[in-house]
mmCIF file of all heavy atoms, coordinates in Angstrom:
data_MODEL
# 
_entry.id   MODEL 
# 
loop_
_atom_site.group_PDB 
_atom_site.id 
_atom_site.type_symbol 
_atom_site.label_atom_id 
_atom_site.label_alt_id 
_atom_site.label_comp_id 
_atom_site.label_asym_id 
_atom_site.label_entity_id 
_atom_site.label_seq_id 
_atom_site.pdbx_PDB_ins_code 
_atom_site.Cartn_x 
_atom_site.Cartn_y 
_atom_site.Cartn_z 
_atom_site.occupancy 
_atom_site.B_iso_or_equiv 
_atom_site.pdbx_formal_charge 
_atom_site.auth_seq_id 
_atom_site.auth_comp_id 
_atom_site.auth_asym_id 
_atom_site.auth_atom_id 
_atom_site.pdbx_PDB_model_num 
ATOM 1   N N   . GLY A 1 1  ? 22.986 -41.320 130.147 1.00 0.00 ? 1  GLY A N   1 
ATOM 2   C CA  . GLY A 1 1  ? 21.996 -41.180 131.231 1.00 0.00 ? 1  GLY A CA  1 
ATOM 3   C C   . GLY A 1 1  ? 20.682 -41.859 130.874 1.00 0.00 ? 1  GLY A C   1 
ATOM 4   O O   . GLY A 1 1  ? 19.945 -42.280 131.719 1.00 0.00 ? 1  GLY A O   1 
ATOM 5   N N   . PHE A 1 2  ? 20.352 -41.839 129.531 1.00 0.00 ? 2  PHE A N   1 
ATOM 6   C CA  . PHE A 1 2  ? 19.102 -42.488 129.197 1.00 0.00 ? 2  PHE A CA  1 
ATOM 7   C C   . PHE A 1 2  ? 19.109 -43.995 129.552 1.00 0.00 ? 2  PHE A C   1 
ATOM 8   O O   . PHE A 1 2  ? 17.988 -44.476 130.009 1.00 0.00 ? 2  PHE A O   1 
ATOM 9   C CB  . PHE A 1 2  ? 18.921 -42.357 127.665 1.00 0.00 ? 2  PHE A CB  1 
ATOM 10  C CG  . PHE A 1 2  ? 18.537 -40.916 127.200 1.00 0.00 ? 2  PHE A CG  1 
ATOM 11  C CD1 . PHE A 1 2  ? 19.546 -40.019 126.825 1.00 0.00 ? 2  PHE A CD1 1 
ATOM 12  C CD2 . PHE A 1 2  ? 17.233 -40.496 127.149 1.00 0.00 ? 2  PHE A CD2 1 
ATOM 13  C CE1 . PHE A 1 2  ? 19.270 -38.766 126.491 1.00 0.00 ? 2  PHE A CE1 1 
ATOM 14  C CE2 . PHE A 1 2  ? 16.893 -39.175 126.696 1.00 0.00 ? 2  PHE A CE2 1 
ATOM 15  C CZ  . PHE A 1 2  ? 17.956 -38.363 126.420 1.00 0.00 ? 2  PHE A CZ  1 
ATOM 16  N N   . VAL A 1 3  ? 20.160 -44.605 129.389 1.00 0.00 ? 3  VAL A N   1 
ATOM 17  C CA  . VAL A 1 3  ? 20.254 -46.052 129.667 1.00 0.00 ? 3  VAL A CA  1 
ATOM 18  C C   . VAL A 1 3  ? 20.204 -46.171 131.172 1.00 0.00 ? 3  VAL A C   1 
ATOM 19  O O   . VAL A 1 3  ? 19.637 -47.113 131.779 1.00 0.00 ? 3  VAL A O   1 
ATOM 20  C CB  . VAL A 1 3  ? 21.657 -46.650 129.129 1.00 0.00 ? 3  VAL A CB  1 
ATOM 21  C CG1 . VAL A 1 3  ? 21.599 -48.064 129.360 1.00 0.00 ? 3  VAL A CG1 1 
ATOM 22  C CG2 . VAL A 1 3  ? 21.779 -46.227 127.721 1.00 0.00 ? 3  VAL A CG2 1 
ATOM 23  N N   . ALA A 1 4  ? 20.843 -45.242 131.933 1.00 0.00 ? 4  ALA A N   1 
ATOM 24  C CA  . ALA A 1 4  ? 20.910 -45.404 133.335 1.00 0.00 ? 4  ALA A CA  1 
ATOM 25  C C   . ALA A 1 4  ? 19.518 -45.323 134.019 1.00 0.00 ? 4  ALA A C   1 
ATOM 26  O O   . ALA A 1 4  ? 19.109 -46.078 134.947 1.00 0.00 ? 4  ALA A O   1 
ATOM 27  C CB  . ALA A 1 4  ? 21.797 -44.331 133.982 1.00 0.00 ? 4  ALA A CB  1 
ATOM 28  N N   . ILE A 1 5  ? 18.733 -44.306 133.597 1.00 0.00 ? 5  ILE A N   1 
ATOM 29  C CA  . ILE A 1 5  ? 17.380 -44.210 134.148 1.00 0.00 ? 5  ILE A CA  1 
ATOM 30  C C   . ILE A 1 5  ? 16.465 -45.314 133.678 1.00 0.00 ? 5  ILE A C   1 
ATOM 31  O O   . ILE A 1 5  ? 15.562 -45.649 134.397 1.00 0.00 ? 5  ILE A O   1 
ATOM 32  C CB  . ILE A 1 5  ? 16.765 -42.793 133.764 1.00 0.00 ? 5  ILE A CB  1 
ATOM 33  C CG1 . ILE A 1 5  ? 16.570 -42.652 132.378 1.00 0.00 ? 5  ILE A CG1 1 
ATOM 34  C CG2 . ILE A 1 5  ? 17.589 -41.671 134.294 1.00 0.00 ? 5  ILE A CG2 1 
ATOM 35  C CD1 . ILE A 1 5  ? 15.868 -41.336 131.835 1.00 0.00 ? 5  ILE A CD1 1 
ATOM 36  N N   . GLY A 1 6  ? 16.641 -45.947 132.531 1.00 0.00 ? 6  GLY A N   1 
ATOM 37  C CA  . GLY A 1 6  ? 16.022 -47.063 132.191 1.00 0.00 ? 6  GLY A CA  1 
ATOM 38  C C   . GLY A 1 6  ? 16.364 -48.292 132.985 1.00 0.00 ? 6  GLY A C   1 
ATOM 39  O O   . GLY A 1 6  ? 15.370 -49.069 133.411 1.00 0.00 ? 6  GLY A O   1 
ATOM 40  N N   . LEU A 1 7  ? 17.626 -48.349 133.525 1.00 0.00 ? 7  LEU A N   1 
ATOM 41  C CA  . LEU A 1 7  ? 17.982 -49.339 134.391 1.00 0.00 ? 7  LEU A CA  1 
ATOM 42  C C   . LEU A 1 7  ? 17.396 -49.190 135.723 1.00 0.00 ? 7  LEU A C   1 
ATOM 43  O O   . LEU A 1 7  ? 17.162 -50.157 136.493 1.00 0.00 ? 7  LEU A O   1 
ATOM 44  C CB  . LEU A 1 7  ? 19.513 -49.494 134.379 1.00 0.00 ? 7  LEU A CB  1 
ATOM 45  C CG  . LEU A 1 7  ? 20.165 -50.246 133.254 1.00 0.00 ? 7  LEU A CG  1 
ATOM 46  C CD1 . LEU A 1 7  ? 21.641 -49.945 133.343 1.00 0.00 ? 7  LEU A CD1 1 
ATOM 47  C CD2 . LEU A 1 7  ? 19.943 -51.721 133.349 1.00 0.00 ? 7  LEU A CD2 1 
ATOM 48  N N   . VAL A 1 8  ? 17.190 -47.991 136.085 1.00 0.00 ? 8  VAL A N   1 
ATOM 49  C CA  . VAL A 1 8  ? 16.551 -47.716 137.408 1.00 0.00 ? 8  VAL A CA  1 
ATOM 50  C C   . VAL A 1 8  ? 15.169 -48.234 137.440 1.00 0.00 ? 8  VAL A C   1 
ATOM 51  O O   . VAL A 1 8  ? 14.744 -48.968 138.412 1.00 0.00 ? 8  VAL A O   1 
ATOM 52  C CB  . VAL A 1 8  ? 16.542 -46.143 137.757 1.00 0.00 ? 8  VAL A CB  1 
ATOM 53  C CG1 . VAL A 1 8  ? 15.585 -45.862 138.973 1.00 0.00 ? 8  VAL A CG1 1 
ATOM 54  C CG2 . VAL A 1 8  ? 17.902 -45.667 137.972 1.00 0.00 ? 8  VAL A CG2 1 
ATOM 55  N N   . MET A 1 9  ? 14.370 -48.095 136.332 1.00 0.00 ? 9  MET A N   1 
ATOM 56  C CA  . MET A 1 9  ? 13.152 -48.623 136.266 1.00 0.00 ? 9  MET A CA  1 
ATOM 57  C C   . MET A 1 9  ? 13.117 -50.135 136.226 1.00 0.00 ? 9  MET A C   1 
ATOM 58  O O   . MET A 1 9  ? 12.208 -50.774 136.844 1.00 0.00 ? 9  MET A O   1 
ATOM 59  C CB  . MET A 1 9  ? 12.458 -47.999 134.988 1.00 0.00 ? 9  MET A CB  1 
ATOM 60  C CG  . MET A 1 9  ? 12.182 -46.542 135.106 1.00 0.00 ? 9  MET A CG  1 
ATOM 61  S SD  . MET A 1 9  ? 11.127 -45.993 136.461 1.00 0.00 ? 9  MET A SD  1 
ATOM 62  C CE  . MET A 1 9  ? 9.606  -46.794 136.153 1.00 0.00 ? 9  MET A CE  1 
ATOM 63  N N   . LEU A 1 10 ? 14.018 -50.646 135.444 1.00 0.00 ? 10 LEU A N   1 
ATOM 64  C CA  . LEU A 1 10 ? 14.079 -52.040 135.186 1.00 0.00 ? 10 LEU A CA  1 
ATOM 65  C C   . LEU A 1 10 ? 14.696 -52.798 136.386 1.00 0.00 ? 10 LEU A C   1 
ATOM 66  O O   . LEU A 1 10 ? 14.013 -53.908 136.770 1.00 0.00 ? 10 LEU A O   1 
ATOM 67  C CB  . LEU A 1 10 ? 14.867 -52.418 133.880 1.00 0.00 ? 10 LEU A CB  1 
ATOM 68  C CG  . LEU A 1 10 ? 14.982 -53.829 133.459 1.00 0.00 ? 10 LEU A CG  1 
ATOM 69  C CD1 . LEU A 1 10 ? 13.678 -54.435 133.139 1.00 0.00 ? 10 LEU A CD1 1 
ATOM 70  C CD2 . LEU A 1 10 ? 15.912 -53.906 132.309 1.00 0.00 ? 10 LEU A CD2 1 
ATOM 71  N N   . TRP A 1 11 ? 15.782 -52.356 136.878 1.00 0.00 ? 11 TRP A N   1 
ATOM 72  C CA  . TRP A 1 11 ? 16.501 -53.081 137.930 1.00 0.00 ? 11 TRP A CA  1 
ATOM 73  C C   . TRP A 1 11 ? 16.121 -52.603 139.306 1.00 0.00 ? 11 TRP A C   1 
ATOM 74  O O   . TRP A 1 11 ? 15.736 -53.439 140.083 1.00 0.00 ? 11 TRP A O   1 
ATOM 75  C CB  . TRP A 1 11 ? 18.013 -52.782 137.657 1.00 0.00 ? 11 TRP A CB  1 
ATOM 76  C CG  . TRP A 1 11 ? 18.956 -53.474 138.634 1.00 0.00 ? 11 TRP A CG  1 
ATOM 77  C CD1 . TRP A 1 11 ? 18.719 -54.645 139.294 1.00 0.00 ? 11 TRP A CD1 1 
ATOM 78  C CD2 . TRP A 1 11 ? 20.238 -53.021 139.063 1.00 0.00 ? 11 TRP A CD2 1 
ATOM 79  N NE1 . TRP A 1 11 ? 19.789 -54.896 140.163 1.00 0.00 ? 11 TRP A NE1 1 
ATOM 80  C CE2 . TRP A 1 11 ? 20.708 -53.953 140.000 1.00 0.00 ? 11 TRP A CE2 1 
ATOM 81  C CE3 . TRP A 1 11 ? 21.022 -51.882 138.574 1.00 0.00 ? 11 TRP A CE3 1 
ATOM 82  C CZ2 . TRP A 1 11 ? 21.960 -53.813 140.605 1.00 0.00 ? 11 TRP A CZ2 1 
ATOM 83  C CZ3 . TRP A 1 11 ? 22.242 -51.721 139.281 1.00 0.00 ? 11 TRP A CZ3 1 
ATOM 84  C CH2 . TRP A 1 11 ? 22.716 -52.669 140.157 1.00 0.00 ? 11 TRP A CH2 1 
ATOM 85  N N   . GLY A 1 12 ? 16.112 -51.251 139.486 1.00 0.00 ? 12 GLY A N   1 
ATOM 86  C CA  . GLY A 1 12 ? 15.809 -50.826 140.827 1.00 0.00 ? 12 GLY A CA  1 
ATOM 87  C C   . GLY A 1 12 ? 14.344 -50.908 141.159 1.00 0.00 ? 12 GLY A C   1 
ATOM 88  O O   . GLY A 1 12 ? 14.100 -51.454 142.317 1.00 0.00 ? 12 GLY A O   1 
ATOM 89  N N   . TRP A 1 13 ? 13.338 -50.672 140.263 1.00 0.00 ? 13 TRP A N   1 
ATOM 90  C CA  . TRP A 1 13 ? 11.963 -50.796 140.636 1.00 0.00 ? 13 TRP A CA  1 
ATOM 91  C C   . TRP A 1 13 ? 11.370 -52.134 140.170 1.00 0.00 ? 13 TRP A C   1 
ATOM 92  O O   . TRP A 1 13 ? 10.505 -52.708 140.861 1.00 0.00 ? 13 TRP A O   1 
ATOM 93  C CB  . TRP A 1 13 ? 11.209 -49.575 139.969 1.00 0.00 ? 13 TRP A CB  1 
ATOM 94  C CG  . TRP A 1 13 ? 11.435 -48.345 140.706 1.00 0.00 ? 13 TRP A CG  1 
ATOM 95  C CD1 . TRP A 1 13 ? 12.522 -47.557 140.760 1.00 0.00 ? 13 TRP A CD1 1 
ATOM 96  C CD2 . TRP A 1 13 ? 10.454 -47.754 141.519 1.00 0.00 ? 13 TRP A CD2 1 
ATOM 97  N NE1 . TRP A 1 13 ? 12.354 -46.510 141.647 1.00 0.00 ? 13 TRP A NE1 1 
ATOM 98  C CE2 . TRP A 1 13 ? 11.099 -46.510 142.038 1.00 0.00 ? 13 TRP A CE2 1 
ATOM 99  C CE3 . TRP A 1 13 ? 9.056  -47.926 141.913 1.00 0.00 ? 13 TRP A CE3 1 
ATOM 100 C CZ2 . TRP A 1 13 ? 10.471 -45.630 142.895 1.00 0.00 ? 13 TRP A CZ2 1 
ATOM 101 C CZ3 . TRP A 1 13 ? 8.429  -46.996 142.749 1.00 0.00 ? 13 TRP A CZ3 1 
ATOM 102 C CH2 . TRP A 1 13 ? 9.077  -45.927 143.242 1.00 0.00 ? 13 TRP A CH2 1 
ATOM 103 N N   . GLY A 1 14 ? 11.787 -52.608 139.138 1.00 0.00 ? 14 GLY A N   1 
ATOM 104 C CA  . GLY A 1 14 ? 11.289 -53.897 138.608 1.00 0.00 ? 14 GLY A CA  1 
ATOM 105 C C   . GLY A 1 14 ? 11.981 -55.099 139.140 1.00 0.00 ? 14 GLY A C   1 
ATOM 106 O O   . GLY A 1 14 ? 11.388 -56.275 139.007 1.00 0.00 ? 14 GLY A O   1 
ATOM 107 N N   . GLY A 1 15 ? 13.187 -54.982 139.591 1.00 0.00 ? 15 GLY A N   1 
ATOM 108 C CA  . GLY A 1 15 ? 13.958 -56.083 140.182 1.00 0.00 ? 15 GLY A CA  1 
ATOM 109 C C   . GLY A 1 15 ? 14.456 -57.064 139.146 1.00 0.00 ? 15 GLY A C   1 
ATOM 110 O O   . GLY A 1 15 ? 14.879 -58.194 139.539 1.00 0.00 ? 15 GLY A O   1 
ATOM 111 N N   . THR A 1 16 ? 14.626 -56.606 137.892 1.00 0.00 ? 16 THR A N   1 
ATOM 112 C CA  . THR A 1 16 ? 15.226 -57.420 136.758 1.00 0.00 ? 16 THR A CA  1 
ATOM 113 C C   . THR A 1 16 ? 16.447 -56.790 136.208 1.00 0.00 ? 16 THR A C   1 
ATOM 114 O O   . THR A 1 16 ? 16.340 -55.614 135.796 1.00 0.00 ? 16 THR A O   1 
ATOM 115 C CB  . THR A 1 16 ? 14.179 -57.607 135.624 1.00 0.00 ? 16 THR A CB  1 
ATOM 116 O OG1 . THR A 1 16 ? 13.067 -58.162 136.167 1.00 0.00 ? 16 THR A OG1 1 
ATOM 117 C CG2 . THR A 1 16 ? 14.782 -58.456 134.602 1.00 0.00 ? 16 THR A CG2 1 
ATOM 118 N N   . LEU A 1 17 ? 17.585 -57.439 136.433 1.00 0.00 ? 17 LEU A N   1 
ATOM 119 C CA  . LEU A 1 17 ? 18.870 -56.848 135.943 1.00 0.00 ? 17 LEU A CA  1 
ATOM 120 C C   . LEU A 1 17 ? 19.102 -57.248 134.547 1.00 0.00 ? 17 LEU A C   1 
ATOM 121 O O   . LEU A 1 17 ? 19.051 -58.462 134.288 1.00 0.00 ? 17 LEU A O   1 
ATOM 122 C CB  . LEU A 1 17 ? 19.894 -57.293 136.882 1.00 0.00 ? 17 LEU A CB  1 
ATOM 123 C CG  . LEU A 1 17 ? 21.365 -56.957 136.402 1.00 0.00 ? 17 LEU A CG  1 
ATOM 124 C CD1 . LEU A 1 17 ? 21.584 -55.272 136.370 1.00 0.00 ? 17 LEU A CD1 1 
ATOM 125 C CD2 . LEU A 1 17 ? 22.487 -57.499 137.354 1.00 0.00 ? 17 LEU A CD2 1 
ATOM 126 N N   . SER A 1 18 ? 19.441 -56.266 133.681 1.00 0.00 ? 18 SER A N   1 
ATOM 127 C CA  . SER A 1 18 ? 19.813 -56.591 132.220 1.00 0.00 ? 18 SER A CA  1 
ATOM 128 C C   . SER A 1 18 ? 21.190 -56.187 132.097 1.00 0.00 ? 18 SER A C   1 
ATOM 129 O O   . SER A 1 18 ? 21.678 -55.039 132.459 1.00 0.00 ? 18 SER A O   1 
ATOM 130 C CB  . SER A 1 18 ? 18.888 -55.805 131.355 1.00 0.00 ? 18 SER A CB  1 
ATOM 131 O OG  . SER A 1 18 ? 19.388 -55.858 129.972 1.00 0.00 ? 18 SER A OG  1 
ATOM 132 N N   . LEU A 1 19 ? 22.041 -57.126 131.504 1.00 0.00 ? 19 LEU A N   1 
ATOM 133 C CA  . LEU A 1 19 ? 23.339 -56.793 131.165 1.00 0.00 ? 19 LEU A CA  1 
ATOM 134 C C   . LEU A 1 19 ? 23.563 -56.597 129.711 1.00 0.00 ? 19 LEU A C   1 
ATOM 135 O O   . LEU A 1 19 ? 24.640 -56.918 129.095 1.00 0.00 ? 19 LEU A O   1 
ATOM 136 C CB  . LEU A 1 19 ? 24.300 -57.942 131.719 1.00 0.00 ? 19 LEU A CB  1 
ATOM 137 C CG  . LEU A 1 19 ? 24.325 -58.184 133.176 1.00 0.00 ? 19 LEU A CG  1 
ATOM 138 C CD1 . LEU A 1 19 ? 25.198 -59.288 133.674 1.00 0.00 ? 19 LEU A CD1 1 
ATOM 139 C CD2 . LEU A 1 19 ? 24.799 -56.845 133.894 1.00 0.00 ? 19 LEU A CD2 1 
ATOM 140 N N   . GLY A 1 20 ? 22.509 -56.234 128.968 1.00 0.00 ? 20 GLY A N   1 
ATOM 141 C CA  . GLY A 1 20 ? 22.559 -56.046 127.533 1.00 0.00 ? 20 GLY A CA  1 
ATOM 142 C C   . GLY A 1 20 ? 21.934 -54.769 126.982 1.00 0.00 ? 20 GLY A C   1 
ATOM 143 O O   . GLY A 1 20 ? 21.536 -54.788 125.862 1.00 0.00 ? 20 GLY A O   1 
ATOM 144 N N   . GLN A 1 21 ? 21.879 -53.803 127.829 1.00 0.00 ? 21 GLN A N   1 
ATOM 145 C CA  . GLN A 1 21 ? 21.210 -52.535 127.484 1.00 0.00 ? 21 GLN A CA  1 
ATOM 146 C C   . GLN A 1 21 ? 22.058 -51.906 126.357 1.00 0.00 ? 21 GLN A C   1 
ATOM 147 O O   . GLN A 1 21 ? 21.395 -51.003 125.621 1.00 0.00 ? 21 GLN A O   1 
ATOM 148 C CB  . GLN A 1 21 ? 21.111 -51.617 128.644 1.00 0.00 ? 21 GLN A CB  1 
ATOM 149 C CG  . GLN A 1 21 ? 20.056 -52.073 129.648 1.00 0.00 ? 21 GLN A CG  1 
ATOM 150 C CD  . GLN A 1 21 ? 18.706 -52.441 129.079 1.00 0.00 ? 21 GLN A CD  1 
ATOM 151 O OE1 . GLN A 1 21 ? 18.369 -53.525 128.869 1.00 0.00 ? 21 GLN A OE1 1 
ATOM 152 N NE2 . GLN A 1 21 ? 17.924 -51.324 128.809 1.00 0.00 ? 21 GLN A NE2 1 
ATOM 153 N N   . GLY A 1 22 ? 23.308 -52.157 126.169 1.00 0.00 ? 22 GLY A N   1 
ATOM 154 C CA  . GLY A 1 22 ? 24.014 -51.658 125.082 1.00 0.00 ? 22 GLY A CA  1 
ATOM 155 C C   . GLY A 1 22 ? 23.529 -51.985 123.650 1.00 0.00 ? 22 GLY A C   1 
ATOM 156 O O   . GLY A 1 22 ? 23.726 -51.222 122.760 1.00 0.00 ? 22 GLY A O   1 
ATOM 157 N N   . VAL A 1 23 ? 22.885 -53.096 123.698 1.00 0.00 ? 23 VAL A N   1 
ATOM 158 C CA  . VAL A 1 23 ? 22.104 -53.502 122.398 1.00 0.00 ? 23 VAL A CA  1 
ATOM 159 C C   . VAL A 1 23 ? 21.130 -52.440 121.918 1.00 0.00 ? 23 VAL A C   1 
ATOM 160 O O   . VAL A 1 23 ? 21.108 -51.974 120.749 1.00 0.00 ? 23 VAL A O   1 
ATOM 161 C CB  . VAL A 1 23 ? 21.492 -54.909 122.534 1.00 0.00 ? 23 VAL A CB  1 
ATOM 162 C CG1 . VAL A 1 23 ? 20.628 -55.176 121.272 1.00 0.00 ? 23 VAL A CG1 1 
ATOM 163 C CG2 . VAL A 1 23 ? 22.508 -55.929 122.728 1.00 0.00 ? 23 VAL A CG2 1 
ATOM 164 N N   . PHE A 1 24 ? 20.297 -51.945 122.883 1.00 0.00 ? 24 PHE A N   1 
ATOM 165 C CA  . PHE A 1 24 ? 19.216 -50.935 122.442 1.00 0.00 ? 24 PHE A CA  1 
ATOM 166 C C   . PHE A 1 24 ? 19.786 -49.665 122.235 1.00 0.00 ? 24 PHE A C   1 
ATOM 167 O O   . PHE A 1 24 ? 19.366 -48.985 121.384 1.00 0.00 ? 24 PHE A O   1 
ATOM 168 C CB  . PHE A 1 24 ? 18.117 -51.007 123.588 1.00 0.00 ? 24 PHE A CB  1 
ATOM 169 C CG  . PHE A 1 24 ? 17.792 -52.389 123.886 1.00 0.00 ? 24 PHE A CG  1 
ATOM 170 C CD1 . PHE A 1 24 ? 17.925 -52.896 125.281 1.00 0.00 ? 24 PHE A CD1 1 
ATOM 171 C CD2 . PHE A 1 24 ? 17.110 -53.161 122.939 1.00 0.00 ? 24 PHE A CD2 1 
ATOM 172 C CE1 . PHE A 1 24 ? 17.588 -54.241 125.471 1.00 0.00 ? 24 PHE A CE1 1 
ATOM 173 C CE2 . PHE A 1 24 ? 16.736 -54.480 123.227 1.00 0.00 ? 24 PHE A CE2 1 
ATOM 174 C CZ  . PHE A 1 24 ? 16.850 -55.017 124.587 1.00 0.00 ? 24 PHE A CZ  1 
ATOM 175 N N   . PHE A 1 25 ? 20.906 -49.313 122.954 1.00 0.00 ? 25 PHE A N   1 
ATOM 176 C CA  . PHE A 1 25 ? 21.642 -48.095 122.813 1.00 0.00 ? 25 PHE A CA  1 
ATOM 177 C C   . PHE A 1 25 ? 22.207 -47.975 121.407 1.00 0.00 ? 25 PHE A C   1 
ATOM 178 O O   . PHE A 1 25 ? 22.080 -47.140 120.553 1.00 0.00 ? 25 PHE A O   1 
ATOM 179 C CB  . PHE A 1 25 ? 22.605 -47.873 123.828 1.00 0.00 ? 25 PHE A CB  1 
ATOM 180 C CG  . PHE A 1 25 ? 23.468 -46.604 123.781 1.00 0.00 ? 25 PHE A CG  1 
ATOM 181 C CD1 . PHE A 1 25 ? 23.021 -45.430 124.356 1.00 0.00 ? 25 PHE A CD1 1 
ATOM 182 C CD2 . PHE A 1 25 ? 24.632 -46.607 123.120 1.00 0.00 ? 25 PHE A CD2 1 
ATOM 183 C CE1 . PHE A 1 25 ? 23.707 -44.293 124.343 1.00 0.00 ? 25 PHE A CE1 1 
ATOM 184 C CE2 . PHE A 1 25 ? 25.380 -45.356 122.929 1.00 0.00 ? 25 PHE A CE2 1 
ATOM 185 C CZ  . PHE A 1 25 ? 24.878 -44.264 123.671 1.00 0.00 ? 25 PHE A CZ  1 
# 
């Protein structure tokens, strides 16, 4: 869920999709 809420900020609000968040996890 930590990754998912990060993607909400990055993708949903910032408009930037990242397909590599597993790296930081």
